[in-house]
PDB file of N, CA and C in Angstrom:
ATOM      1  N   MET A   1      61.270  54.754 154.395  1.00  0.00           N
ATOM      2  CA  MET A   1      61.133  53.710 153.356  1.00  0.00           C
ATOM      3  C   MET A   1      61.757  52.457 153.765  1.00  0.00           C
ATOM      4  N   ILE A   2      62.911  52.504 154.373  1.00  0.00           N
ATOM      5  CA  ILE A   2      63.638  51.304 154.741  1.00  0.00           C
ATOM      6  C   ILE A   2      63.006  50.602 155.890  1.00  0.00           C
ATOM      7  N   ASN A   3      62.331  51.347 156.759  1.00  0.00           N
ATOM      8  CA  ASN A   3      61.674  50.743 157.911  1.00  0.00           C
ATOM      9  C   ASN A   3      60.664  49.654 157.546  1.00  0.00           C
ATOM     10  N   GLU A   4      59.988  49.833 156.372  1.00  0.00           N
ATOM     11  CA  GLU A   4      58.946  48.986 155.981  1.00  0.00           C
ATOM     12  C   GLU A   4      59.446  47.709 155.277  1.00  0.00           C
ATOM     13  N   VAL A   5      60.736  47.629 155.006  1.00  0.00           N
ATOM     14  CA  VAL A   5      61.391  46.452 154.255  1.00  0.00           C
ATOM     15  C   VAL A   5      61.547  45.336 155.220  1.00  0.00           C
ATOM     16  N   PHE A   6      61.850  45.599 156.448  1.00  0.00           N
ATOM     17  CA  PHE A   6      62.223  44.624 157.498  1.00  0.00           C
ATOM     18  C   PHE A   6      61.095  44.207 158.285  1.00  0.00           C
ATOM     19  N   PRO A   7      61.066  42.993 158.691  1.00  0.00           N
ATOM     20  CA  PRO A   7      59.950  42.575 159.641  1.00  0.00           C
ATOM     21  C   PRO A   7      60.234  43.212 161.033  1.00  0.00           C
ATOM     22  N   THR A   8      59.190  43.373 161.824  1.00  0.00           N
ATOM     23  CA  THR A   8      59.191  44.032 163.063  1.00  0.00           C
ATOM     24  C   THR A   8      60.221  43.435 163.978  1.00  0.00           C
ATOM     25  N   SER A   9      60.315  42.134 163.971  1.00  0.00           N
ATOM     26  CA  SER A   9      61.207  41.425 164.911  1.00  0.00           C
ATOM     27  C   SER A   9      62.717  41.773 164.764  1.00  0.00           C
ATOM     28  N   VAL A  10      63.100  42.155 163.535  1.00  0.00           N
ATOM     29  CA  VAL A  10      64.506  42.489 163.283  1.00  0.00           C
ATOM     30  C   VAL A  10      64.732  43.920 162.829  1.00  0.00           C
ATOM     31  N   ARG A  11      63.703  44.731 162.831  1.00  0.00           N
ATOM     32  CA  ARG A  11      63.738  46.035 162.315  1.00  0.00           C
ATOM     33  C   ARG A  11      64.762  46.852 162.944  1.00  0.00           C
ATOM     34  N   ALA A  12      64.765  46.984 164.248  1.00  0.00           N
ATOM     35  CA  ALA A  12      65.644  47.832 165.038  1.00  0.00           C
ATOM     36  C   ALA A  12      67.148  47.409 164.787  1.00  0.00           C
ATOM     37  N   ALA A  13      67.457  46.127 164.845  1.00  0.00           N
ATOM     38  CA  ALA A  13      68.803  45.681 164.660  1.00  0.00           C
ATOM     39  C   ALA A  13      69.221  45.922 163.211  1.00  0.00           C
ATOM     40  N   ALA A  14      68.369  45.657 162.246  1.00  0.00           N
ATOM     41  CA  ALA A  14      68.750  45.943 160.808  1.00  0.00           C
ATOM     42  C   ALA A  14      69.071  47.354 160.536  1.00  0.00           C
ATOM     43  N   LEU A  15      68.151  48.256 161.026  1.00  0.00           N
ATOM     44  CA  LEU A  15      68.427  49.700 160.770  1.00  0.00           C
ATOM     45  C   LEU A  15      69.608  50.189 161.526  1.00  0.00           C
ATOM     46  N   GLY A  16      69.870  49.629 162.722  1.00  0.00           N
ATOM     47  CA  GLY A  16      71.065  50.091 163.451  1.00  0.00           C
ATOM     48  C   GLY A  16      72.314  49.650 162.723  1.00  0.00           C
ATOM     49  N   ILE A  17      72.409  48.456 162.180  1.00  0.00           N
ATOM     50  CA  ILE A  17      73.480  47.986 161.413  1.00  0.00           C
ATOM     51  C   ILE A  17      73.674  48.862 160.127  1.00  0.00           C
ATOM     52  N   ILE A  18      72.591  49.121 159.454  1.00  0.00           N
ATOM     53  CA  ILE A  18      72.664  49.926 158.236  1.00  0.00           C
ATOM     54  C   ILE A  18      73.181  51.318 158.539  1.00  0.00           C
ATOM     55  N   TYR A  19      72.604  52.013 159.486  1.00  0.00           N
ATOM     56  CA  TYR A  19      73.021  53.377 159.772  1.00  0.00           C
ATOM     57  C   TYR A  19      74.433  53.437 160.320  1.00  0.00           C
ATOM     58  N   ASN A  20      74.852  52.562 161.116  1.00  0.00           N
ATOM     59  CA  ASN A  20      76.194  52.637 161.605  1.00  0.00           C
ATOM     60  C   ASN A  20      77.244  52.193 160.677  1.00  0.00           C
ATOM     61  N   VAL A  21      77.007  51.346 159.758  1.00  0.00           N
ATOM     62  CA  VAL A  21      77.979  50.975 158.583  1.00  0.00           C
ATOM     63  C   VAL A  21      78.036  52.267 157.803  1.00  0.00           C
ATOM     64  N   ALA A  22      76.906  52.901 157.498  1.00  0.00           N
ATOM     65  CA  ALA A  22      76.993  54.168 156.689  1.00  0.00           C
ATOM     66  C   ALA A  22      77.882  55.238 157.372  1.00  0.00           C
ATOM     67  N   ARG A  23      77.675  55.369 158.668  1.00  0.00           N
ATOM     68  CA  ARG A  23      78.470  56.276 159.499  1.00  0.00           C
ATOM     69  C   ARG A  23      79.913  55.971 159.396  1.00  0.00           C
ATOM     70  N   GLY A  24      80.285  54.718 159.410  1.00  0.00           N
ATOM     71  CA  GLY A  24      81.698  54.311 159.319  1.00  0.00           C
ATOM     72  C   GLY A  24      82.277  54.603 157.933  1.00  0.00           C
ATOM     73  N   VAL A  25      81.508  54.374 156.851  1.00  0.00           N
ATOM     74  CA  VAL A  25      81.978  54.842 155.534  1.00  0.00           C
ATOM     75  C   VAL A  25      82.106  56.336 155.415  1.00  0.00           C
ATOM     76  N   GLN A  26      81.155  57.098 156.026  1.00  0.00           N
ATOM     77  CA  GLN A  26      81.170  58.507 155.991  1.00  0.00           C
ATOM     78  C   GLN A  26      82.426  59.031 156.725  1.00  0.00           C
ATOM     79  N   PHE A  27      82.875  58.331 157.776  1.00  0.00           N
ATOM     80  CA  PHE A  27      84.029  58.718 158.557  1.00  0.00           C
ATOM     81  C   PHE A  27      85.304  58.600 157.702  1.00  0.00           C
ATOM     82  N   ALA A  28      85.341  57.506 156.910  1.00  0.00           N
ATOM     83  CA  ALA A  28      86.587  57.259 156.050  1.00  0.00           C
ATOM     84  C   ALA A  28      86.574  58.122 154.781  1.00  0.00           C
ATOM     85  N   ALA A  29      85.387  58.615 154.333  1.00  0.00           N
ATOM     86  CA  ALA A  29      85.344  59.346 153.050  1.00  0.00           C
ATOM     87  C   ALA A  29      86.257  60.518 153.011  1.00  0.00           C
ATOM     88  N   PRO A  30      86.302  61.429 154.005  1.00  0.00           N
ATOM     89  CA  PRO A  30      87.161  62.626 153.911  1.00  0.00           C
ATOM     90  C   PRO A  30      88.742  62.230 153.831  1.00  0.00           C
ATOM     91  N   VAL A  31      89.038  61.156 154.467  1.00  0.00           N
ATOM     92  CA  VAL A  31      90.460  60.685 154.476  1.00  0.00           C
ATOM     93  C   VAL A  31      90.783  60.171 153.023  1.00  0.00           C
ATOM     94  N   VAL A  32      89.889  59.428 152.501  1.00  0.00           N
ATOM     95  CA  VAL A  32      90.195  58.969 151.087  1.00  0.00           C
ATOM     96  C   VAL A  32      90.226  60.127 150.076  1.00  0.00           C
ATOM     97  N   ILE A  33      89.278  61.011 150.250  1.00  0.00           N
ATOM     98  CA  ILE A  33      89.205  62.171 149.334  1.00  0.00           C
ATOM     99  C   ILE A  33      90.497  62.950 149.452  1.00  0.00           C
ATOM    100  N   ALA A  34      90.963  63.224 150.660  1.00  0.00           N
ATOM    101  CA  ALA A  34      92.168  64.005 150.885  1.00  0.00           C
ATOM    102  C   ALA A  34      93.398  63.237 150.370  1.00  0.00           C
ATOM    103  N   PHE A  35      93.442  61.998 150.502  1.00  0.00           N
ATOM    104  CA  PHE A  35      94.578  61.179 149.948  1.00  0.00           C
ATOM    105  C   PHE A  35      94.672  61.270 148.464  1.00  0.00           C
ATOM    106  N   VAL A  36      93.536  61.023 147.821  1.00  0.00           N
ATOM    107  CA  VAL A  36      93.449  61.057 146.336  1.00  0.00           C
ATOM    108  C   VAL A  36      93.765  62.455 145.828  1.00  0.00           C
ATOM    109  N   ALA A  37      93.161  63.530 146.455  1.00  0.00           N
ATOM    110  CA  ALA A  37      93.365  64.902 146.084  1.00  0.00           C
ATOM    111  C   ALA A  37      94.787  65.327 146.209  1.00  0.00           C
ATOM    112  N   ALA A  38      95.470  64.832 147.289  1.00  0.00           N
ATOM    113  CA  ALA A  38      96.889  65.219 147.399  1.00  0.00           C
ATOM    114  C   ALA A  38      97.808  64.605 146.366  1.00  0.00           C
ATOM    115  N   ARG A  39      97.344  63.495 145.837  1.00  0.00           N
ATOM    116  CA  ARG A  39      98.150  62.789 144.839  1.00  0.00           C
ATOM    117  C   ARG A  39      97.888  63.295 143.406  1.00  0.00           C
ATOM    118  N   SER A  40      96.591  63.795 143.172  1.00  0.00           N
ATOM    119  CA  SER A  40      96.113  64.141 141.855  1.00  0.00           C
ATOM    120  C   SER A  40      95.541  65.514 141.931  1.00  0.00           C
ATOM    121  N   SER A  41      94.187  65.551 141.925  1.00  0.00           N
ATOM    122  CA  SER A  41      93.457  66.861 141.937  1.00  0.00           C
ATOM    123  C   SER A  41      92.228  66.636 142.856  1.00  0.00           C
ATOM    124  N   PHE A  42      91.638  67.787 143.207  1.00  0.00           N
ATOM    125  CA  PHE A  42      90.463  67.698 144.031  1.00  0.00           C
ATOM    126  C   PHE A  42      89.300  66.962 143.305  1.00  0.00           C
ATOM    127  N   GLY A  43      89.171  67.255 141.985  1.00  0.00           N
ATOM    128  CA  GLY A  43      88.156  66.563 141.215  1.00  0.00           C
ATOM    129  C   GLY A  43      88.286  65.106 141.222  1.00  0.00           C
ATOM    130  N   ALA A  44      89.561  64.648 141.107  1.00  0.00           N
ATOM    131  CA  ALA A  44      89.847  63.251 141.143  1.00  0.00           C
ATOM    132  C   ALA A  44      89.538  62.694 142.536  1.00  0.00           C
ATOM    133  N   GLY A  45      89.663  63.482 143.573  1.00  0.00           N
ATOM    134  CA  GLY A  45      89.358  63.041 144.918  1.00  0.00           C
ATOM    135  C   GLY A  45      87.882  62.829 145.158  1.00  0.00           C
ATOM    136  N   ILE A  46      87.026  63.573 144.490  1.00  0.00           N
ATOM    137  CA  ILE A  46      85.614  63.522 144.641  1.00  0.00           C
ATOM    138  C   ILE A  46      85.054  62.554 143.705  1.00  0.00           C
ATOM    139  N   ALA A  47      85.664  62.215 142.598  1.00  0.00           N
ATOM    140  CA  ALA A  47      85.148  61.376 141.553  1.00  0.00           C
ATOM    141  C   ALA A  47      84.703  59.967 142.057  1.00  0.00           C
ATOM    142  N   PRO A  48      85.453  59.349 143.002  1.00  0.00           N
ATOM    143  CA  PRO A  48      84.977  57.979 143.479  1.00  0.00           C
ATOM    144  C   PRO A  48      83.637  57.996 144.171  1.00  0.00           C
ATOM    145  N   ALA A  49      83.099  59.207 144.576  1.00  0.00           N
ATOM    146  CA  ALA A  49      81.852  59.261 145.171  1.00  0.00           C
ATOM    147  C   ALA A  49      80.688  59.072 144.151  1.00  0.00           C
ATOM    148  N   VAL A  50      80.959  59.324 142.935  1.00  0.00           N
ATOM    149  CA  VAL A  50      79.888  59.283 141.939  1.00  0.00           C
ATOM    150  C   VAL A  50      79.291  57.917 141.779  1.00  0.00           C
ATOM    151  N   PRO A  51      80.096  56.843 141.680  1.00  0.00           N
ATOM    152  CA  PRO A  51      79.511  55.529 141.570  1.00  0.00           C
ATOM    153  C   PRO A  51      78.671  55.099 142.775  1.00  0.00           C
ATOM    154  N   PHE A  52      79.164  55.464 143.976  1.00  0.00           N
ATOM    155  CA  PHE A  52      78.409  55.224 145.181  1.00  0.00           C
ATOM    156  C   PHE A  52      77.078  55.947 145.232  1.00  0.00           C
ATOM    157  N   SER A  53      77.034  57.210 144.751  1.00  0.00           N
ATOM    158  CA  SER A  53      75.806  57.881 144.639  1.00  0.00           C
ATOM    159  C   SER A  53      74.827  57.250 143.676  1.00  0.00           C
ATOM    160  N   LEU A  54      75.341  56.873 142.532  1.00  0.00           N
ATOM    161  CA  LEU A  54      74.417  56.180 141.542  1.00  0.00           C
ATOM    162  C   LEU A  54      73.927  54.837 142.088  1.00  0.00           C
ATOM    163  N   LEU A  55      74.805  54.113 142.860  1.00  0.00           N
ATOM    164  CA  LEU A  55      74.337  52.830 143.440  1.00  0.00           C
ATOM    165  C   LEU A  55      73.315  53.101 144.441  1.00  0.00           C
ATOM    166  N   ALA A  56      73.450  54.158 145.300  1.00  0.00           N
ATOM    167  CA  ALA A  56      72.459  54.438 146.285  1.00  0.00           C
ATOM    168  C   ALA A  56      71.099  54.801 145.692  1.00  0.00           C
ATOM    169  N   ALA A  57      71.127  55.522 144.531  1.00  0.00           N
ATOM    170  CA  ALA A  57      69.890  55.900 143.832  1.00  0.00           C
ATOM    171  C   ALA A  57      69.265  54.615 143.215  1.00  0.00           C
ATOM    172  N   ALA A  58      70.024  53.743 142.660  1.00  0.00           N
ATOM    173  CA  ALA A  58      69.532  52.579 142.079  1.00  0.00           C
ATOM    174  C   ALA A  58      68.948  51.619 143.112  1.00  0.00           C
ATOM    175  N   THR A  59      69.557  51.575 144.282  1.00  0.00           N
ATOM    176  CA  THR A  59      69.046  50.708 145.410  1.00  0.00           C
ATOM    177  C   THR A  59      67.741  51.206 145.821  1.00  0.00           C
ATOM    178  N   VAL A  60      67.532  52.502 145.920  1.00  0.00           N
ATOM    179  CA  VAL A  60      66.164  52.983 146.299  1.00  0.00           C
ATOM    180  C   VAL A  60      65.041  52.613 145.368  1.00  0.00           C
ATOM    181  N   TRP A  61      65.397  52.548 144.076  1.00  0.00           N
ATOM    182  CA  TRP A  61      64.410  52.166 143.165  1.00  0.00           C
ATOM    183  C   TRP A  61      64.156  50.680 143.163  1.00  0.00           C
ATOM    184  N   ALA A  62      65.050  49.924 143.661  1.00  0.00           N
ATOM    185  CA  ALA A  62      64.973  48.462 143.675  1.00  0.00           C
ATOM    186  C   ALA A  62      64.220  47.995 144.894  1.00  0.00           C
ATOM    187  N   LEU A  63      63.956  48.862 145.932  1.00  0.00           N
ATOM    188  CA  LEU A  63      63.189  48.355 147.152  1.00  0.00           C
ATOM    189  C   LEU A  63      61.787  48.005 146.737  1.00  0.00           C
ATOM    190  N   PRO A  64      61.243  47.080 147.406  1.00  0.00           N
ATOM    191  CA  PRO A  64      59.893  46.643 147.098  1.00  0.00           C
ATOM    192  C   PRO A  64      58.828  47.731 147.529  1.00  0.00           C
ATOM    193  N   GLU A  65      57.765  47.797 146.757  1.00  0.00           N
ATOM    194  CA  GLU A  65      56.700  48.737 147.141  1.00  0.00           C
ATOM    195  C   GLU A  65      55.877  48.189 148.243  1.00  0.00           C
ATOM    196  N   THR A  66      55.607  48.983 149.285  1.00  0.00           N
ATOM    197  CA  THR A  66      54.840  48.470 150.444  1.00  0.00           C
ATOM    198  C   THR A  66      53.515  49.311 150.683  1.00  0.00           C
ATOM    199  N   LYS A  67      53.231  50.125 149.742  1.00  0.00           N
ATOM    200  CA  LYS A  67      52.000  50.933 149.776  1.00  0.00           C
ATOM    201  C   LYS A  67      50.781  49.949 149.741  1.00  0.00           C
ATOM    202  N   GLY A  68      49.912  50.021 150.735  1.00  0.00           N
ATOM    203  CA  GLY A  68      48.766  49.175 150.767  1.00  0.00           C
ATOM    204  C   GLY A  68      48.986  47.717 151.153  1.00  0.00           C
ATOM    205  N   VAL A  69      50.248  47.452 151.416  1.00  0.00           N
ATOM    206  CA  VAL A  69      50.545  45.943 151.864  1.00  0.00           C
ATOM    207  C   VAL A  69      50.575  45.905 153.348  1.00  0.00           C
ATOM    208  N   ARG A  70      49.962  44.890 153.881  1.00  0.00           N
ATOM    209  CA  ARG A  70      49.958  44.704 155.353  1.00  0.00           C
ATOM    210  C   ARG A  70      51.276  44.241 155.809  1.00  0.00           C
ATOM    211  N   LEU A  71      51.978  45.028 156.689  1.00  0.00           N
ATOM    212  CA  LEU A  71      53.300  44.720 157.119  1.00  0.00           C
ATOM    213  C   LEU A  71      53.204  43.691 158.259  1.00  0.00           C
ATOM    214  N   GLN A  72      54.267  42.772 158.282  1.00  0.00           N
ATOM    215  CA  GLN A  72      54.295  41.766 159.363  1.00  0.00           C
ATOM    216  C   GLN A  72      54.955  42.229 160.463  1.00  0.00           C
TER     217      GLN A  72
END
């Protein structure tokens, strides 16, 4: 889905940036969860992931529809 949002000239760079930023955040997530869980509880450690999951879901619905549209 995300491939169709970017023009061909910048598609590879844009997707590379998006995927690698996501990998960086995923690398830090266990550290943050462990830090919060050690200070409070495991449920509190996982709770910060909920808003990010909802934001990701909302972002998918906000992407423009490209079905039947000629891509540049």
